[in-house]
C-alpha atoms as a PDB file:
ATOM      1  CA  MET A   1      26.603  34.560 -23.137  1.00  0.00           C
ATOM      2  CA  SER A   2      24.408  35.038 -26.185  1.00  0.00           C
ATOM      3  CA  GLU A   3      22.671  38.312 -26.980  1.00  0.00           C
ATOM      4  CA  GLN A   4      19.365  36.736 -25.972  1.00  0.00           C
ATOM      5  CA  GLN A   5      20.822  35.836 -22.571  1.00  0.00           C
ATOM      6  CA  GLN A   6      22.116  39.325 -21.732  1.00  0.00           C
ATOM      7  CA  PRO A   7      20.488  40.655 -18.536  1.00  0.00           C
ATOM      8  CA  ALA A   8      17.941  43.352 -19.095  1.00  0.00           C
ATOM      9  CA  ALA A   9      18.931  46.897 -18.215  1.00  0.00           C
ATOM     10  CA  PRO A  10      17.398  48.062 -14.954  1.00  0.00           C
ATOM     11  CA  ALA A  11      14.228  50.078 -15.398  1.00  0.00           C
ATOM     12  CA  ALA A  12      14.523  53.797 -14.729  1.00  0.00           C
ATOM     13  CA  THR A  13      13.250  54.748 -11.310  1.00  0.00           C
ATOM     14  CA  ALA A  14      10.101  56.825 -11.521  1.00  0.00           C
ATOM     15  CA  PRO A  15      10.524  60.236  -9.862  1.00  0.00           C
ATOM     16  CA  GLU A  16       8.700  60.972  -6.634  1.00  0.00           C
ATOM     17  CA  ILE A  17       5.819  63.347  -7.258  1.00  0.00           C
ATOM     18  CA  LEU A  18       4.813  65.455  -4.280  1.00  0.00           C
ATOM     19  CA  ARG A  19       1.458  67.183  -4.165  1.00  0.00           C
ATOM     20  CA  TYR A  20       0.828  70.463  -2.374  1.00  0.00           C
ATOM     21  CA  THR A  21      -1.886  73.077  -2.453  1.00  0.00           C
ATOM     22  CA  ALA A  22      -0.602  76.651  -2.423  1.00  0.00           C
ATOM     23  CA  PHE A  23      -2.123  79.754  -0.858  1.00  0.00           C
ATOM     24  CA  SER A  24      -4.215  77.787   1.621  1.00  0.00           C
ATOM     25  CA  THR A  25      -3.766  76.144   5.016  1.00  0.00           C
ATOM     26  CA  SER A  26      -6.464  73.615   4.102  1.00  0.00           C
ATOM     27  CA  PRO A  27      -6.180  70.757   1.605  1.00  0.00           C
ATOM     28  CA  ASP A  28      -9.598  71.809   0.330  1.00  0.00           C
ATOM     29  CA  GLY A  29      -8.474  75.311  -0.642  1.00  0.00           C
ATOM     30  CA  GLY A  30      -5.872  76.993  -2.790  1.00  0.00           C
ATOM     31  CA  ASN A  31      -4.288  75.709  -5.965  1.00  0.00           C
ATOM     32  CA  PRO A  32      -2.821  72.183  -6.113  1.00  0.00           C
ATOM     33  CA  ALA A  33       0.600  71.727  -7.700  1.00  0.00           C
ATOM     34  CA  GLY A  34       2.769  68.759  -8.413  1.00  0.00           C
ATOM     35  CA  VAL A  35       6.390  69.015  -7.256  1.00  0.00           C
ATOM     36  CA  VAL A  36       9.275  66.846  -8.463  1.00  0.00           C
ATOM     37  CA  LEU A  37      12.336  67.670  -6.365  1.00  0.00           C
ATOM     38  CA  ASP A  38      14.703  65.567  -8.479  1.00  0.00           C
ATOM     39  CA  ALA A  39      13.888  65.817 -12.173  1.00  0.00           C
ATOM     40  CA  GLY A  40      17.437  65.312 -13.418  1.00  0.00           C
ATOM     41  CA  GLY A  41      16.527  62.255 -15.460  1.00  0.00           C
ATOM     42  CA  LEU A  42      13.522  63.805 -17.187  1.00  0.00           C
ATOM     43  CA  ASP A  43      13.509  65.439 -20.592  1.00  0.00           C
ATOM     44  CA  ALA A  44      10.821  67.877 -21.740  1.00  0.00           C
ATOM     45  CA  GLU A  45       8.635  65.096 -23.121  1.00  0.00           C
ATOM     46  CA  ALA A  46       8.767  63.167 -19.848  1.00  0.00           C
ATOM     47  CA  ARG A  47       8.010  66.296 -17.816  1.00  0.00           C
ATOM     48  CA  GLN A  48       5.033  67.058 -20.022  1.00  0.00           C
ATOM     49  CA  ARG A  49       3.725  63.506 -19.711  1.00  0.00           C
ATOM     50  CA  ILE A  50       3.979  63.625 -15.916  1.00  0.00           C
ATOM     51  CA  ALA A  51       2.224  67.007 -15.756  1.00  0.00           C
ATOM     52  CA  ALA A  52      -0.625  65.664 -17.880  1.00  0.00           C
ATOM     53  CA  GLU A  53      -0.919  62.593 -15.659  1.00  0.00           C
ATOM     54  CA  VAL A  54      -0.889  64.677 -12.463  1.00  0.00           C
ATOM     55  CA  GLY A  55      -3.577  66.887 -13.972  1.00  0.00           C
ATOM     56  CA  TYR A  56      -3.021  69.991 -11.851  1.00  0.00           C
ATOM     57  CA  SER A  57      -2.762  73.402 -13.484  1.00  0.00           C
ATOM     58  CA  GLU A  58       1.029  73.135 -13.075  1.00  0.00           C
ATOM     59  CA  THR A  59       3.704  70.725 -11.931  1.00  0.00           C
ATOM     60  CA  ALA A  60       7.196  71.988 -11.036  1.00  0.00           C
ATOM     61  CA  PHE A  61      10.405  70.108 -11.815  1.00  0.00           C
ATOM     62  CA  LEU A  62      13.749  70.829 -10.116  1.00  0.00           C
ATOM     63  CA  THR A  63      17.247  70.264 -11.477  1.00  0.00           C
ATOM     64  CA  PRO A  64      20.640  71.720 -10.461  1.00  0.00           C
ATOM     65  CA  PRO A  65      21.059  75.479 -10.933  1.00  0.00           C
ATOM     66  CA  PRO A  66      22.930  77.101 -13.809  1.00  0.00           C
ATOM     67  CA  PRO A  67      26.594  77.822 -12.933  1.00  0.00           C
ATOM     68  CA  GLU A  68      26.081  81.563 -12.586  1.00  0.00           C
ATOM     69  CA  LEU A  69      23.305  81.145 -10.015  1.00  0.00           C
ATOM     70  CA  ALA A  70      25.252  78.480  -8.133  1.00  0.00           C
ATOM     71  CA  ALA A  71      28.221  80.862  -7.950  1.00  0.00           C
ATOM     72  CA  GLU A  72      25.996  83.709  -6.757  1.00  0.00           C
ATOM     73  CA  VAL A  73      24.473  81.808  -3.854  1.00  0.00           C
ATOM     74  CA  GLY A  74      27.619  79.871  -2.978  1.00  0.00           C
ATOM     75  CA  SER A  75      27.530  76.336  -1.647  1.00  0.00           C
ATOM     76  CA  SER A  76      24.248  76.617   0.239  1.00  0.00           C
ATOM     77  CA  GLY A  77      22.568  73.994  -1.940  1.00  0.00           C
ATOM     78  CA  ARG A  78      19.454  76.168  -1.997  1.00  0.00           C
ATOM     79  CA  ALA A  79      19.513  77.171  -5.654  1.00  0.00           C
ATOM     80  CA  PHE A  80      17.774  75.262  -8.426  1.00  0.00           C
ATOM     81  CA  THR A  81      16.625  75.353 -12.003  1.00  0.00           C
ATOM     82  CA  ILE A  82      12.846  75.036 -12.064  1.00  0.00           C
ATOM     83  CA  ARG A  83      10.572  74.234 -15.005  1.00  0.00           C
ATOM     84  CA  TYR A  84       6.794  74.329 -14.993  1.00  0.00           C
ATOM     85  CA  HIS A  85       4.352  72.329 -17.094  1.00  0.00           C
ATOM     86  CA  SER A  86       0.586  72.590 -17.313  1.00  0.00           C
ATOM     87  CA  PRO A  87      -1.291  69.539 -18.586  1.00  0.00           C
ATOM     88  CA  GLU A  88      -0.846  70.841 -22.152  1.00  0.00           C
ATOM     89  CA  ALA A  89       2.244  73.061 -22.308  1.00  0.00           C
ATOM     90  CA  GLU A  90       5.334  74.379 -20.559  1.00  0.00           C
ATOM     91  CA  VAL A  91       5.009  77.861 -19.031  1.00  0.00           C
ATOM     92  CA  ASP A  92       7.806  80.277 -18.215  1.00  0.00           C
ATOM     93  CA  PHE A  93       6.790  80.992 -14.629  1.00  0.00           C
ATOM     94  CA  CYS A  94       4.231  79.719 -12.121  1.00  0.00           C
ATOM     95  CA  GLY A  95       3.814  81.394  -8.755  1.00  0.00           C
ATOM     96  CA  HIS A  96       1.733  78.830  -6.909  1.00  0.00           C
ATOM     97  CA  ALA A  97       4.006  75.933  -7.908  1.00  0.00           C
ATOM     98  CA  THR A  98       7.014  78.013  -6.782  1.00  0.00           C
ATOM     99  CA  VAL A  99       5.436  78.568  -3.378  1.00  0.00           C
ATOM    100  CA  ALA A 100       4.570  74.879  -3.128  1.00  0.00           C
ATOM    101  CA  THR A 101       8.114  73.870  -4.099  1.00  0.00           C
ATOM    102  CA  ALA A 102       9.721  76.273  -1.641  1.00  0.00           C
ATOM    103  CA  VAL A 103       7.576  74.987   1.228  1.00  0.00           C
ATOM    104  CA  ALA A 104       8.345  71.381   0.269  1.00  0.00           C
ATOM    105  CA  LEU A 105      12.074  72.195   0.352  1.00  0.00           C
ATOM    106  CA  ALA A 106      11.766  74.056   3.647  1.00  0.00           C
ATOM    107  CA  GLU A 107      10.035  71.079   5.242  1.00  0.00           C
ATOM    108  CA  ARG A 108      13.043  68.953   4.276  1.00  0.00           C
ATOM    109  CA  HIS A 109      15.949  71.396   4.587  1.00  0.00           C
ATOM    110  CA  GLY A 110      14.681  74.146   6.841  1.00  0.00           C
ATOM    111  CA  PRO A 111      13.311  77.658   6.313  1.00  0.00           C
ATOM    112  CA  GLY A 112      15.411  80.425   4.811  1.00  0.00           C
ATOM    113  CA  ASN A 113      16.318  81.721   1.389  1.00  0.00           C
ATOM    114  CA  TYR A 114      15.988  79.758  -1.843  1.00  0.00           C
ATOM    115  CA  ALA A 115      16.603  80.803  -5.447  1.00  0.00           C
ATOM    116  CA  PHE A 116      15.008  79.406  -8.596  1.00  0.00           C
ATOM    117  CA  ALA A 117      16.230  79.933 -12.145  1.00  0.00           C
ATOM    118  CA  THR A 118      13.065  80.085 -14.256  1.00  0.00           C
ATOM    119  CA  ARG A 119      12.751  80.687 -17.979  1.00  0.00           C
ATOM    120  CA  ALA A 120      11.624  84.226 -17.059  1.00  0.00           C
ATOM    121  CA  GLY A 121      14.613  84.939 -14.805  1.00  0.00           C
ATOM    122  CA  VAL A 122      15.797  84.246 -11.268  1.00  0.00           C
ATOM    123  CA  VAL A 123      13.042  84.215  -8.634  1.00  0.00           C
ATOM    124  CA  PRO A 124      14.207  84.363  -4.989  1.00  0.00           C
ATOM    125  CA  VAL A 125      11.912  82.885  -2.336  1.00  0.00           C
ATOM    126  CA  THR A 126      12.135  83.272   1.431  1.00  0.00           C
ATOM    127  CA  VAL A 127      10.375  80.759   3.681  1.00  0.00           C
ATOM    128  CA  ASP A 128       9.840  81.811   7.302  1.00  0.00           C
ATOM    129  CA  ASP A 129       9.634  79.672  10.420  1.00  0.00           C
ATOM    130  CA  GLU A 130       5.855  79.282   9.949  1.00  0.00           C
ATOM    131  CA  LEU A 131       6.537  77.902   6.438  1.00  0.00           C
ATOM    132  CA  ARG A 132       5.036  80.929   4.753  1.00  0.00           C
ATOM    133  CA  ALA A 133       6.785  81.578   1.450  1.00  0.00           C
ATOM    134  CA  THR A 134       7.409  84.967  -0.167  1.00  0.00           C
ATOM    135  CA  LEU A 135       8.582  85.068  -3.759  1.00  0.00           C
ATOM    136  CA  THR A 136      10.129  88.082  -5.464  1.00  0.00           C
ATOM    137  CA  SER A 137       9.035  88.471  -9.066  1.00  0.00           C
ATOM    138  CA  VAL A 138      11.085  89.495 -12.049  1.00  0.00           C
ATOM    139  CA  PRO A 139      10.635  93.219 -12.877  1.00  0.00           C
ATOM    140  CA  PRO A 140       7.042  93.842 -13.993  1.00  0.00           C
ATOM    141  CA  ARG A 141       5.822  95.774 -17.017  1.00  0.00           C
ATOM    142  CA  ILE A 142       2.512  96.600 -18.688  1.00  0.00           C
ATOM    143  CA  SER A 143       1.384  97.104 -22.265  1.00  0.00           C
ATOM    144  CA  ASP A 144      -1.781  98.125 -24.069  1.00  0.00           C
ATOM    145  CA  ILE A 145      -4.327  95.879 -25.736  1.00  0.00           C
ATOM    146  CA  THR A 146      -6.004  97.074 -28.921  1.00  0.00           C
ATOM    147  CA  ASP A 147      -9.691  97.888 -28.956  1.00  0.00           C
ATOM    148  CA  VAL A 148     -10.241  95.134 -31.526  1.00  0.00           C
ATOM    149  CA  ASP A 149      -8.549  92.498 -29.379  1.00  0.00           C
ATOM    150  CA  LEU A 150     -10.299  93.681 -26.220  1.00  0.00           C
ATOM    151  CA  THR A 151     -13.668  93.441 -27.959  1.00  0.00           C
ATOM    152  CA  ALA A 152     -12.854  89.895 -29.074  1.00  0.00           C
ATOM    153  CA  VAL A 153     -11.817  88.866 -25.550  1.00  0.00           C
ATOM    154  CA  LEU A 154     -14.995  90.327 -24.053  1.00  0.00           C
ATOM    155  CA  GLU A 155     -17.079  88.446 -26.622  1.00  0.00           C
ATOM    156  CA  ALA A 156     -15.321  85.174 -25.745  1.00  0.00           C
ATOM    157  CA  LEU A 157     -15.949  85.862 -22.046  1.00  0.00           C
ATOM    158  CA  ARG A 158     -19.565  86.756 -22.837  1.00  0.00           C
ATOM    159  CA  TRP A 159     -18.998  90.120 -21.130  1.00  0.00           C
ATOM    160  CA  SER A 160     -20.036  93.533 -22.410  1.00  0.00           C
ATOM    161  CA  PRO A 161     -18.049  96.792 -22.100  1.00  0.00           C
ATOM    162  CA  ALA A 162     -20.585  97.866 -19.453  1.00  0.00           C
ATOM    163  CA  ASP A 163     -19.387  94.953 -17.277  1.00  0.00           C
ATOM    164  CA  LEU A 164     -15.954  96.616 -16.851  1.00  0.00           C
ATOM    165  CA  ASP A 165     -14.815  98.948 -14.069  1.00  0.00           C
ATOM    166  CA  PRO A 166     -13.458 102.035 -15.864  1.00  0.00           C
ATOM    167  CA  ALA A 167     -11.264 102.920 -12.880  1.00  0.00           C
ATOM    168  CA  LEU A 168      -9.088  99.857 -13.610  1.00  0.00           C
ATOM    169  CA  PRO A 169      -8.284  99.942 -17.342  1.00  0.00           C
ATOM    170  CA  ALA A 170      -7.594  96.826 -19.372  1.00  0.00           C
ATOM    171  CA  ARG A 171      -3.868  96.201 -19.749  1.00  0.00           C
ATOM    172  CA  ILE A 172      -1.535  93.293 -20.408  1.00  0.00           C
ATOM    173  CA  ALA A 173       0.589  92.881 -17.288  1.00  0.00           C
ATOM    174  CA  TYR A 174       3.837  90.920 -16.998  1.00  0.00           C
ATOM    175  CA  ALA A 175       5.874  89.608 -14.060  1.00  0.00           C
ATOM    176  CA  GLY A 176       7.125  86.397 -15.641  1.00  0.00           C
ATOM    177  CA  ASN A 177       4.171  85.737 -17.961  1.00  0.00           C
ATOM    178  CA  ASP A 178       1.688  87.975 -19.762  1.00  0.00           C
ATOM    179  CA  HIS A 179      -1.762  88.252 -18.179  1.00  0.00           C
ATOM    180  CA  LEU A 180      -4.621  90.421 -19.387  1.00  0.00           C
ATOM    181  CA  VAL A 181      -6.076  92.374 -16.464  1.00  0.00           C
ATOM    182  CA  LEU A 182      -9.811  92.979 -16.752  1.00  0.00           C
ATOM    183  CA  ALA A 183     -11.728  94.556 -13.880  1.00  0.00           C
ATOM    184  CA  ALA A 184     -15.363  93.642 -13.314  1.00  0.00           C
ATOM    185  CA  ALA A 185     -17.720  96.403 -12.278  1.00  0.00           C
ATOM    186  CA  THR A 186     -19.539  94.146  -9.789  1.00  0.00           C
ATOM    187  CA  ARG A 187     -18.850  91.078  -7.688  1.00  0.00           C
ATOM    188  CA  ALA A 188     -21.784  89.357  -9.384  1.00  0.00           C
ATOM    189  CA  ARG A 189     -20.171  89.810 -12.799  1.00  0.00           C
ATOM    190  CA  LEU A 190     -16.956  88.226 -11.538  1.00  0.00           C
ATOM    191  CA  ALA A 191     -18.860  85.341  -9.964  1.00  0.00           C
ATOM    192  CA  ASP A 192     -20.694  84.505 -13.195  1.00  0.00           C
ATOM    193  CA  LEU A 193     -17.882  83.034 -15.289  1.00  0.00           C
ATOM    194  CA  ASP A 194     -19.146  81.115 -18.331  1.00  0.00           C
ATOM    195  CA  TYR A 195     -16.877  81.638 -21.315  1.00  0.00           C
ATOM    196  CA  ASP A 196     -16.250  80.160 -24.766  1.00  0.00           C
ATOM    197  CA  PHE A 197     -13.254  77.925 -24.005  1.00  0.00           C
ATOM    198  CA  ASP A 198     -12.075  77.376 -27.579  1.00  0.00           C
ATOM    199  CA  ALA A 199     -12.527  80.996 -28.669  1.00  0.00           C
ATOM    200  CA  LEU A 200     -10.743  82.395 -25.623  1.00  0.00           C
ATOM    201  CA  ARG A 201      -7.942  79.853 -25.930  1.00  0.00           C
ATOM    202  CA  ALA A 202      -7.328  80.825 -29.563  1.00  0.00           C
ATOM    203  CA  LEU A 203      -7.277  84.532 -28.699  1.00  0.00           C
ATOM    204  CA  MET A 204      -4.911  84.021 -25.770  1.00  0.00           C
ATOM    205  CA  LEU A 205      -2.528  81.953 -27.870  1.00  0.00           C
ATOM    206  CA  ARG A 206      -2.471  84.674 -30.511  1.00  0.00           C
ATOM    207  CA  LEU A 207      -1.847  87.385 -27.917  1.00  0.00           C
ATOM    208  CA  GLY A 208       0.698  85.335 -25.949  1.00  0.00           C
ATOM    209  CA  LEU A 209      -1.363  85.395 -22.747  1.00  0.00           C
ATOM    210  CA  THR A 210      -1.000  82.819 -19.989  1.00  0.00           C
ATOM    211  CA  THR A 211      -4.175  83.690 -18.055  1.00  0.00           C
ATOM    212  CA  LEU A 212      -6.739  86.435 -17.789  1.00  0.00           C
ATOM    213  CA  GLN A 213      -6.562  88.206 -14.435  1.00  0.00           C
ATOM    214  CA  LEU A 214     -10.208  89.022 -13.784  1.00  0.00           C
ATOM    215  CA  VAL A 215     -10.551  91.266 -10.727  1.00  0.00           C
ATOM    216  CA  TRP A 216     -13.164  93.009  -8.644  1.00  0.00           C
ATOM    217  CA  ARG A 217     -12.081  95.687  -6.205  1.00  0.00           C
ATOM    218  CA  GLU A 218     -13.703  95.391  -2.783  1.00  0.00           C
ATOM    219  CA  SER A 219     -11.594  98.205  -1.304  1.00  0.00           C
ATOM    220  CA  GLU A 220      -8.349 100.045  -1.994  1.00  0.00           C
ATOM    221  CA  THR A 221      -6.285  97.044  -0.899  1.00  0.00           C
ATOM    222  CA  VAL A 222      -8.667  94.066  -1.110  1.00  0.00           C
ATOM    223  CA  PHE A 223      -9.497  92.352  -4.405  1.00  0.00           C
ATOM    224  CA  HIS A 224     -11.315  89.232  -5.556  1.00  0.00           C
ATOM    225  CA  VAL A 225      -9.738  87.578  -8.584  1.00  0.00           C
ATOM    226  CA  ARG A 226     -10.285  84.723 -11.046  1.00  0.00           C
ATOM    227  CA  ASP A 227      -7.972  83.343 -13.725  1.00  0.00           C
ATOM    228  CA  PRO A 228      -9.253  81.502 -16.793  1.00  0.00           C
ATOM    229  CA  PHE A 229      -6.409  79.298 -18.100  1.00  0.00           C
ATOM    230  CA  PRO A 230      -7.602  77.573 -21.299  1.00  0.00           C
ATOM    231  CA  VAL A 231      -4.127  77.700 -22.898  1.00  0.00           C
ATOM    232  CA  GLY A 232      -3.009  75.256 -20.219  1.00  0.00           C
ATOM    233  CA  GLY A 233      -5.990  72.991 -20.754  1.00  0.00           C
ATOM    234  CA  VAL A 234      -7.582  74.227 -17.516  1.00  0.00           C
ATOM    235  CA  VAL A 235     -10.878  76.105 -17.331  1.00  0.00           C
ATOM    236  CA  GLU A 236      -9.803  78.114 -14.299  1.00  0.00           C
ATOM    237  CA  ASP A 237      -6.738  78.378 -12.087  1.00  0.00           C
ATOM    238  CA  PRO A 238      -7.748  78.397  -8.386  1.00  0.00           C
ATOM    239  CA  ALA A 239      -4.902  80.632  -7.055  1.00  0.00           C
ATOM    240  CA  THR A 240      -2.411  82.261  -9.373  1.00  0.00           C
ATOM    241  CA  GLY A 241       0.808  83.690  -7.957  1.00  0.00           C
ATOM    242  CA  ALA A 242       2.246  84.759 -11.317  1.00  0.00           C
ATOM    243  CA  ALA A 243      -0.895  86.719 -12.170  1.00  0.00           C
ATOM    244  CA  ALA A 244      -0.928  88.209  -8.662  1.00  0.00           C
ATOM    245  CA  ALA A 245       2.609  89.515  -9.181  1.00  0.00           C
ATOM    246  CA  ALA A 246       1.668  90.906 -12.593  1.00  0.00           C
ATOM    247  CA  PHE A 247      -1.406  92.572 -11.064  1.00  0.00           C
ATOM    248  CA  GLY A 248       0.711  94.180  -8.355  1.00  0.00           C
ATOM    249  CA  GLY A 249       2.978  95.596 -11.035  1.00  0.00           C
ATOM    250  CA  TYR A 250      -0.052  96.800 -12.999  1.00  0.00           C
ATOM    251  CA  LEU A 251      -1.415  98.704  -9.993  1.00  0.00           C
ATOM    252  CA  ARG A 252       1.931 100.310  -9.216  1.00  0.00           C
ATOM    253  CA  LEU A 253       2.811 101.249 -12.810  1.00  0.00           C
ATOM    254  CA  LEU A 254      -0.602 102.855 -13.332  1.00  0.00           C
ATOM    255  CA  ASP A 255      -0.348 104.693  -9.975  1.00  0.00           C
ATOM    256  CA  LEU A 256      -3.386 102.808  -8.710  1.00  0.00           C
ATOM    257  CA  ALA A 257      -1.569 101.671  -5.562  1.00  0.00           C
ATOM    258  CA  PRO A 258       1.331 103.352  -3.756  1.00  0.00           C
ATOM    259  CA  ASP A 259       4.765 101.950  -3.029  1.00  0.00           C
ATOM    260  CA  GLY A 260       4.652 100.016   0.219  1.00  0.00           C
ATOM    261  CA  ALA A 261       1.049  98.915  -0.305  1.00  0.00           C
ATOM    262  CA  VAL A 262       0.074  95.459   0.948  1.00  0.00           C
ATOM    263  CA  LEU A 263      -2.779  93.931  -1.030  1.00  0.00           C
ATOM    264  CA  THR A 264      -5.027  91.002  -0.195  1.00  0.00           C
ATOM    265  CA  LEU A 265      -6.271  88.872  -3.080  1.00  0.00           C
ATOM    266  CA  HIS A 266      -9.092  86.383  -2.539  1.00  0.00           C
ATOM    267  CA  GLN A 267      -9.201  83.689  -5.195  1.00  0.00           C
ATOM    268  CA  GLY A 268     -10.915  80.337  -5.644  1.00  0.00           C
ATOM    269  CA  GLU A 269     -14.053  81.192  -3.668  1.00  0.00           C
ATOM    270  CA  ASP A 270     -16.307  80.775  -6.697  1.00  0.00           C
ATOM    271  CA  MET A 271     -14.713  77.369  -7.393  1.00  0.00           C
ATOM    272  CA  GLY A 272     -15.131  76.114  -3.835  1.00  0.00           C
ATOM    273  CA  ARG A 273     -11.333  76.250  -3.275  1.00  0.00           C
ATOM    274  CA  PRO A 274     -10.740  79.504  -1.366  1.00  0.00           C
ATOM    275  CA  GLY A 275      -7.196  80.793  -1.313  1.00  0.00           C
ATOM    276  CA  LEU A 276      -5.465  83.887   0.028  1.00  0.00           C
ATOM    277  CA  LEU A 277      -2.586  85.712  -1.657  1.00  0.00           C
ATOM    278  CA  THR A 278      -0.707  88.659  -0.176  1.00  0.00           C
ATOM    279  CA  VAL A 279       0.892  91.035  -2.672  1.00  0.00           C
ATOM    280  CA  THR A 280       3.392  93.645  -1.471  1.00  0.00           C
ATOM    281  CA  LEU A 281       4.763  96.564  -3.490  1.00  0.00           C
ATOM    282  CA  PRO A 282       8.149  97.172  -1.829  1.00  0.00           C
ATOM    283  CA  GLU A 283       9.193 100.797  -1.435  1.00  0.00           C
ATOM    284  CA  ASP A 284      12.813 100.125  -2.391  1.00  0.00           C
ATOM    285  CA  ASP A 285      12.387  97.546  -5.157  1.00  0.00           C
ATOM    286  CA  PRO A 286      10.468  97.664  -8.462  1.00  0.00           C
ATOM    287  CA  ARG A 287       9.783  93.935  -8.204  1.00  0.00           C
ATOM    288  CA  ILE A 288       6.681  92.508  -6.549  1.00  0.00           C
ATOM    289  CA  HIS A 289       6.442  90.198  -3.538  1.00  0.00           C
ATOM    290  CA  VAL A 290       3.778  87.485  -3.414  1.00  0.00           C
ATOM    291  CA  SER A 291       3.294  85.575  -0.154  1.00  0.00           C
ATOM    292  CA  GLY A 292       1.308  82.564   0.911  1.00  0.00           C
ATOM    293  CA  THR A 293       1.276  79.208   2.608  1.00  0.00           C
ATOM    294  CA  ALA A 294       1.266  75.714   1.160  1.00  0.00           C
ATOM    295  CA  THR A 295      -0.170  72.483   2.522  1.00  0.00           C
ATOM    296  CA  ALA A 296       0.856  68.934   1.634  1.00  0.00           C
ATOM    297  CA  LEU A 297      -1.829  66.785   0.051  1.00  0.00           C
ATOM    298  CA  ARG A 298      -1.683  63.217   1.349  1.00  0.00           C
END
C-alpha cells in the first residue's frame, strides 16, 4: 500500500466537559466551573484552549494522582491530580472548581472523602449525603502590603482611603493563592464596583495576586464579598472558594475571629448570581474549611 493509501490515524476523542455552578442550589446562582474528569490526554496548551472556549472563571482538569498521594489514600480511587485554568492563565488553586469537581465525582461514585493534588498542595474534600462539599485548605498565611501599593490599588478601584473599614486592615492573605483583602466601610461602597481593568490587572500581576477579596462586615460572622479577577480575564468572580479560605485565615491570624467560628459569606448578589459560602475555622487545625453545594448546568 502506498503512503498516500495509508489509513488516516483516528482523531483524538474530545474530552467530556461537565458544567456545574458552585456555592448555589440554583443554576442561576453561584460560580460556574467547567470540569473535565479525564484530562489524561491534554497538555497545558490544550487545557488552556478548552478553558478559554468554556469561558468560565475556571475549568478543572483531573488526571491520576502523584504516587505519594495514591499511596497515602490507598486503592480507594478517590485521589487525583487537579489543574485549574482561567480563560487566560493557569492558577494554582480554585475553590469553587474544586467543590464542583467533588460534587461531580460524588454523583458518579458516591459521597465520602476525596483528595486533590493541586499546585499549592494537597486539598482534601469531603462530600456528604446531601452532596454538600467541604474542602480543607492548605495552611494559610498573611503578609503586609506597602502603603505605595495600597494607594495604587485603591486608585485602580476608584476607592479612597475613607472607603475602607479600619477595623479590618488591608493584608495579602494566602490559602493556595494570594488575595488582597480590602474591607469596605459600607455596603453601598462594596456594591458600587467600577474599576480600571487594565490598571488593576497590571498591579495584581506585579504583586502576584489572584483576586482582590473585597468585603463588608454585616455582623461578627456574616460578610458580603466580591472578587475582581482581571488577571484571569474576568471582571468579577461570582463565588470564590480560594479567597474565602484565605479570608478565613486572615481573620484568624489577626485575631478578628476565634477558633471554632463559622462564617457566612454572601457573594454574587451584586452580579445577579447569589451564592453562599460557609467558612469554618477549626479549633484543632490551622487550616480552613470552606463548604458549599454545587448544581449541574444542563
